[in-house]
N, C-alpha and C. Protein backbone atom coordinates (compact mmCIF):
# COMPACT_ATOMS: atom_id res chain seq x y z
N UNK A 1 84.08 -89.27 44.69
CA UNK A 1 84.17 -90.37 45.47
C UNK A 1 85.70 -90.72 45.67
N UNK A 2 86.19 -90.90 46.89
CA UNK A 2 87.53 -91.24 47.14
C UNK A 2 87.81 -92.71 46.81
N UNK A 3 88.95 -92.97 46.15
CA UNK A 3 89.33 -94.24 45.74
C UNK A 3 90.77 -94.60 46.16
N UNK A 4 91.00 -95.86 46.50
CA UNK A 4 92.34 -96.39 46.65
C UNK A 4 92.56 -97.40 45.65
N UNK A 5 93.68 -97.31 44.93
CA UNK A 5 93.90 -98.18 43.80
C UNK A 5 95.30 -98.77 43.77
N UNK A 6 95.29 -100.07 43.39
CA UNK A 6 96.53 -100.73 43.09
C UNK A 6 96.60 -100.97 41.56
N UNK A 7 97.50 -100.34 40.97
CA UNK A 7 97.62 -100.30 39.45
C UNK A 7 98.88 -101.05 39.01
N UNK A 8 98.72 -101.90 38.03
CA UNK A 8 99.91 -102.42 37.31
C UNK A 8 99.72 -102.37 35.91
N UNK A 9 100.44 -101.42 35.26
CA UNK A 9 100.40 -101.12 33.92
C UNK A 9 101.50 -101.79 33.13
N UNK A 10 101.13 -102.63 32.19
CA UNK A 10 102.14 -103.59 31.51
C UNK A 10 102.21 -103.19 30.06
N UNK A 11 103.28 -102.56 29.58
CA UNK A 11 103.52 -102.37 28.26
C UNK A 11 103.89 -103.62 27.46
N UNK A 12 103.24 -103.96 26.45
CA UNK A 12 103.52 -105.26 25.65
C UNK A 12 104.11 -104.94 24.39
N UNK A 13 105.02 -105.78 24.02
CA UNK A 13 105.65 -105.65 22.52
C UNK A 13 106.82 -104.71 22.52
N UNK A 14 107.48 -104.48 23.75
CA UNK A 14 108.55 -103.52 23.83
C UNK A 14 109.81 -104.16 24.45
N UNK A 15 109.89 -105.49 24.63
CA UNK A 15 111.08 -106.13 25.16
C UNK A 15 110.95 -106.37 26.72
N UNK A 16 112.01 -106.62 27.31
CA UNK A 16 111.97 -106.98 28.73
C UNK A 16 112.21 -105.88 29.67
N UNK A 17 112.92 -104.87 29.34
CA UNK A 17 113.15 -103.72 30.22
C UNK A 17 111.98 -102.75 30.14
N UNK A 18 111.28 -102.61 31.26
CA UNK A 18 110.11 -101.78 31.26
C UNK A 18 110.26 -100.45 32.06
N UNK A 19 111.35 -100.29 32.70
CA UNK A 19 111.53 -99.21 33.60
C UNK A 19 111.33 -97.83 33.00
N UNK A 20 111.66 -97.62 31.70
CA UNK A 20 111.32 -96.19 31.20
C UNK A 20 109.79 -96.01 31.06
N UNK A 21 109.03 -97.06 30.85
CA UNK A 21 107.56 -96.98 30.78
C UNK A 21 106.95 -96.74 32.20
N UNK A 22 107.45 -97.42 33.15
CA UNK A 22 107.07 -97.36 34.52
C UNK A 22 107.32 -95.90 35.01
N UNK A 23 108.52 -95.47 34.70
CA UNK A 23 108.95 -94.08 35.12
C UNK A 23 107.93 -93.06 34.59
N UNK A 24 107.52 -93.29 33.27
CA UNK A 24 106.70 -92.33 32.66
C UNK A 24 105.32 -92.28 33.27
N UNK A 25 104.82 -93.45 33.74
CA UNK A 25 103.57 -93.44 34.33
C UNK A 25 103.69 -92.84 35.79
N UNK A 26 104.72 -93.20 36.42
CA UNK A 26 105.00 -92.66 37.85
C UNK A 26 104.93 -91.13 37.77
N UNK A 27 105.63 -90.49 36.75
CA UNK A 27 105.58 -89.10 36.63
C UNK A 27 104.07 -88.57 36.43
N UNK A 28 103.41 -89.23 35.60
CA UNK A 28 101.97 -88.79 35.32
C UNK A 28 101.12 -88.95 36.63
N UNK A 29 101.23 -89.97 37.32
CA UNK A 29 100.54 -90.19 38.53
C UNK A 29 100.98 -89.03 39.58
N UNK A 30 102.22 -88.76 39.68
CA UNK A 30 102.65 -87.72 40.55
C UNK A 30 102.13 -86.28 40.25
N UNK A 31 102.25 -86.08 38.89
CA UNK A 31 101.70 -84.75 38.39
C UNK A 31 100.19 -84.65 38.65
N UNK A 32 99.52 -85.73 38.70
CA UNK A 32 97.97 -85.73 39.04
C UNK A 32 97.82 -85.53 40.42
N UNK A 33 98.78 -85.50 41.25
CA UNK A 33 98.63 -85.29 42.63
C UNK A 33 98.20 -86.55 43.43
N UNK A 34 98.46 -87.62 42.88
CA UNK A 34 97.97 -88.99 43.46
C UNK A 34 98.96 -89.64 44.45
N UNK A 35 100.14 -88.94 44.63
CA UNK A 35 101.21 -89.47 45.49
C UNK A 35 101.41 -90.96 45.34
N UNK A 36 101.86 -91.38 44.23
CA UNK A 36 102.07 -92.86 43.93
C UNK A 36 103.06 -93.46 44.89
N UNK A 37 102.85 -94.69 45.24
CA UNK A 37 103.72 -95.55 46.05
C UNK A 37 104.05 -96.65 45.17
N UNK A 38 105.27 -96.65 44.60
CA UNK A 38 105.78 -97.68 43.82
C UNK A 38 106.07 -98.92 44.58
N UNK A 39 105.74 -100.09 44.12
CA UNK A 39 106.09 -101.40 44.72
C UNK A 39 106.56 -102.34 43.71
N UNK A 40 107.03 -103.47 44.09
CA UNK A 40 107.60 -104.40 43.09
C UNK A 40 106.80 -104.87 41.97
N UNK A 41 105.53 -104.86 42.22
CA UNK A 41 104.62 -105.27 41.08
C UNK A 41 103.57 -104.28 40.61
N UNK A 42 103.80 -103.02 40.94
CA UNK A 42 102.80 -102.02 40.57
C UNK A 42 102.94 -100.77 41.36
N UNK A 43 101.85 -100.05 41.44
CA UNK A 43 101.80 -98.73 42.19
C UNK A 43 100.52 -98.53 42.91
N UNK A 44 100.49 -98.03 44.17
CA UNK A 44 99.37 -97.65 44.87
C UNK A 44 99.15 -96.21 44.72
N UNK A 45 97.90 -95.80 44.46
CA UNK A 45 97.50 -94.40 44.49
C UNK A 45 96.23 -94.21 45.26
N UNK A 46 95.93 -92.93 45.60
CA UNK A 46 94.59 -92.71 46.17
C UNK A 46 94.27 -91.31 45.85
N UNK A 47 92.95 -91.05 45.59
CA UNK A 47 92.35 -89.77 45.30
C UNK A 47 90.95 -89.88 44.75
N UNK A 48 90.53 -88.75 44.25
CA UNK A 48 89.15 -88.80 43.58
C UNK A 48 89.07 -89.79 42.47
N UNK A 49 88.06 -90.53 42.46
CA UNK A 49 87.79 -91.58 41.37
C UNK A 49 88.06 -91.03 39.95
N UNK A 50 87.49 -89.86 39.69
CA UNK A 50 87.61 -89.40 38.32
C UNK A 50 89.13 -88.98 37.97
N UNK A 51 89.84 -88.46 39.07
CA UNK A 51 91.28 -88.11 38.86
C UNK A 51 92.06 -89.30 38.66
N UNK A 52 91.78 -90.40 39.41
CA UNK A 52 92.52 -91.68 39.29
C UNK A 52 92.36 -92.22 37.96
N UNK A 53 91.09 -92.23 37.50
CA UNK A 53 90.75 -92.82 36.13
C UNK A 53 91.36 -91.97 34.96
N UNK A 54 91.35 -90.62 35.16
CA UNK A 54 91.96 -89.70 34.15
C UNK A 54 93.39 -89.89 34.02
N UNK A 55 94.09 -90.02 35.18
CA UNK A 55 95.53 -90.30 35.22
C UNK A 55 95.96 -91.64 34.47
N UNK A 56 95.12 -92.69 34.81
CA UNK A 56 95.39 -93.98 34.25
C UNK A 56 95.17 -93.79 32.67
N UNK A 57 94.20 -93.06 32.19
CA UNK A 57 94.05 -92.90 30.72
C UNK A 57 95.26 -92.17 30.18
N UNK A 58 95.77 -91.19 30.97
CA UNK A 58 96.92 -90.45 30.44
C UNK A 58 98.22 -91.45 30.42
N UNK A 59 98.24 -92.33 31.35
CA UNK A 59 99.39 -93.33 31.29
C UNK A 59 99.34 -94.10 29.97
N UNK A 60 98.12 -94.58 29.75
CA UNK A 60 97.98 -95.40 28.46
C UNK A 60 98.34 -94.53 27.26
N UNK A 61 97.85 -93.32 27.17
CA UNK A 61 98.12 -92.42 26.06
C UNK A 61 99.57 -92.26 25.95
N UNK A 62 100.24 -91.98 26.97
CA UNK A 62 101.69 -91.66 27.06
C UNK A 62 102.51 -92.83 26.50
N UNK A 63 102.17 -94.05 27.01
CA UNK A 63 102.82 -95.19 26.58
C UNK A 63 102.65 -95.53 25.10
N UNK A 64 101.54 -95.23 24.58
CA UNK A 64 101.26 -95.43 23.18
C UNK A 64 102.11 -94.42 22.28
N UNK A 65 102.14 -93.21 22.88
CA UNK A 65 102.98 -92.25 22.15
C UNK A 65 104.46 -92.57 22.21
N UNK A 66 104.85 -93.35 23.31
CA UNK A 66 106.32 -93.85 23.30
C UNK A 66 106.47 -95.03 22.46
N UNK A 67 105.56 -95.41 21.77
CA UNK A 67 105.69 -96.51 20.75
C UNK A 67 105.25 -97.92 21.26
N UNK A 68 104.60 -97.90 22.41
CA UNK A 68 104.12 -99.19 22.90
C UNK A 68 102.89 -99.64 22.06
N UNK A 69 102.87 -100.73 21.45
CA UNK A 69 101.67 -101.18 20.54
C UNK A 69 100.51 -101.62 21.39
N UNK A 70 100.73 -102.12 22.63
CA UNK A 70 99.68 -102.66 23.36
C UNK A 70 99.99 -102.49 24.90
N UNK A 71 98.91 -102.00 25.62
CA UNK A 71 99.07 -101.74 27.07
C UNK A 71 97.93 -102.56 27.78
N UNK A 72 98.35 -103.33 28.78
CA UNK A 72 97.36 -104.06 29.49
C UNK A 72 97.58 -103.48 31.05
N UNK A 73 96.39 -103.16 31.70
CA UNK A 73 96.41 -102.70 32.99
C UNK A 73 95.59 -103.55 33.87
N UNK A 74 96.22 -103.95 35.01
CA UNK A 74 95.49 -104.70 36.07
C UNK A 74 95.21 -103.64 37.20
N UNK A 75 93.90 -103.54 37.57
CA UNK A 75 93.51 -102.48 38.55
C UNK A 75 92.59 -103.14 39.54
N UNK A 76 93.03 -102.95 40.87
CA UNK A 76 92.18 -103.27 41.97
C UNK A 76 91.90 -101.85 42.62
N UNK A 77 90.55 -101.66 42.84
CA UNK A 77 90.07 -100.35 43.28
C UNK A 77 89.09 -100.48 44.38
N UNK A 78 89.29 -99.72 45.37
CA UNK A 78 88.40 -99.79 46.51
C UNK A 78 87.84 -98.47 46.89
N UNK A 79 86.53 -98.45 47.23
CA UNK A 79 85.84 -97.22 47.80
C UNK A 79 85.11 -97.54 48.91
N UNK A 80 84.87 -96.57 49.78
CA UNK A 80 84.00 -96.78 50.99
C UNK A 80 83.05 -95.66 51.12
N UNK A 81 81.96 -95.93 51.72
CA UNK A 81 80.97 -94.90 52.02
C UNK A 81 80.66 -94.75 53.53
N UNK A 82 81.16 -95.76 54.28
CA UNK A 82 80.93 -95.75 55.73
C UNK A 82 81.90 -94.87 56.60
N UNK A 83 83.05 -94.59 56.02
CA UNK A 83 84.03 -93.70 56.64
C UNK A 83 85.06 -93.33 55.66
N UNK A 84 85.88 -92.31 55.97
CA UNK A 84 86.94 -91.86 55.16
C UNK A 84 88.13 -92.65 55.65
N UNK A 85 88.86 -93.20 54.56
CA UNK A 85 89.97 -94.07 54.91
C UNK A 85 91.07 -93.86 53.84
N UNK A 86 92.37 -93.72 54.29
CA UNK A 86 93.46 -93.65 53.43
C UNK A 86 94.18 -94.93 53.32
N UNK A 87 95.12 -95.00 52.39
CA UNK A 87 95.96 -96.29 52.30
C UNK A 87 96.82 -96.35 53.59
N UNK A 88 97.28 -95.25 54.07
CA UNK A 88 98.03 -95.34 55.36
C UNK A 88 97.22 -95.88 56.44
N UNK A 89 95.92 -95.49 56.56
CA UNK A 89 95.00 -95.97 57.55
C UNK A 89 94.90 -97.47 57.49
N UNK A 90 94.78 -97.93 56.21
CA UNK A 90 94.61 -99.46 56.04
C UNK A 90 95.85 -100.21 56.50
N UNK A 91 97.00 -99.70 56.15
CA UNK A 91 98.34 -100.33 56.52
C UNK A 91 98.49 -100.20 58.11
N UNK A 92 98.16 -99.11 58.72
CA UNK A 92 98.21 -98.96 60.05
C UNK A 92 97.35 -99.94 60.88
N UNK A 93 96.14 -100.13 60.37
CA UNK A 93 95.30 -101.12 60.95
C UNK A 93 95.82 -102.48 61.01
N UNK A 94 96.44 -103.00 60.00
CA UNK A 94 97.07 -104.28 59.84
C UNK A 94 98.19 -104.30 60.83
N UNK A 95 99.03 -103.27 60.87
CA UNK A 95 100.26 -103.30 61.70
C UNK A 95 99.80 -103.36 63.24
N UNK A 96 98.69 -102.57 63.59
CA UNK A 96 98.18 -102.70 65.01
C UNK A 96 97.83 -104.14 65.25
N UNK A 97 97.11 -104.74 64.38
CA UNK A 97 96.74 -106.18 64.52
C UNK A 97 97.96 -107.05 64.78
N UNK A 98 98.89 -106.88 64.02
CA UNK A 98 100.11 -107.66 64.12
C UNK A 98 100.77 -107.38 65.47
N UNK A 99 100.75 -106.27 65.93
CA UNK A 99 101.37 -105.90 67.26
C UNK A 99 100.56 -106.43 68.33
N UNK A 100 99.27 -106.37 68.23
CA UNK A 100 98.41 -106.96 69.24
C UNK A 100 98.52 -108.56 69.38
N UNK A 101 98.84 -109.14 68.24
CA UNK A 101 99.13 -110.65 68.22
C UNK A 101 100.48 -110.90 69.05
N UNK A 102 101.43 -110.07 68.95
CA UNK A 102 102.73 -110.17 69.56
C UNK A 102 102.55 -110.18 71.10
N UNK A 103 101.68 -109.15 71.48
CA UNK A 103 101.42 -108.94 72.90
C UNK A 103 100.75 -110.21 73.46
N UNK A 104 99.79 -110.75 72.72
CA UNK A 104 99.09 -111.91 73.18
C UNK A 104 99.90 -113.11 73.42
N UNK A 105 100.94 -113.19 72.69
CA UNK A 105 101.78 -114.44 72.74
C UNK A 105 102.56 -114.46 73.97
């Protein structure tokens, strides 16, 4: 099943600078072929449900190996059965709507 996910992995107990941990997870997601799109508060990925979940597990395992005592993940995950849709499709749909509103004004 194809899934589109917004993932925010939060290492706890390691201080304020989290970029080394974020970078480690970005590498894992890339290596999994999920083409991560980093944003200010997390990362968007898309792919097979099992591949997304397996990569997320590898992120947790890697952060623990890096000495992180606790990892909290916030996950928003969407699937569809009525049609095939990518994250780019979703973004394009909203942009078209915004453009049509400009034309109506």
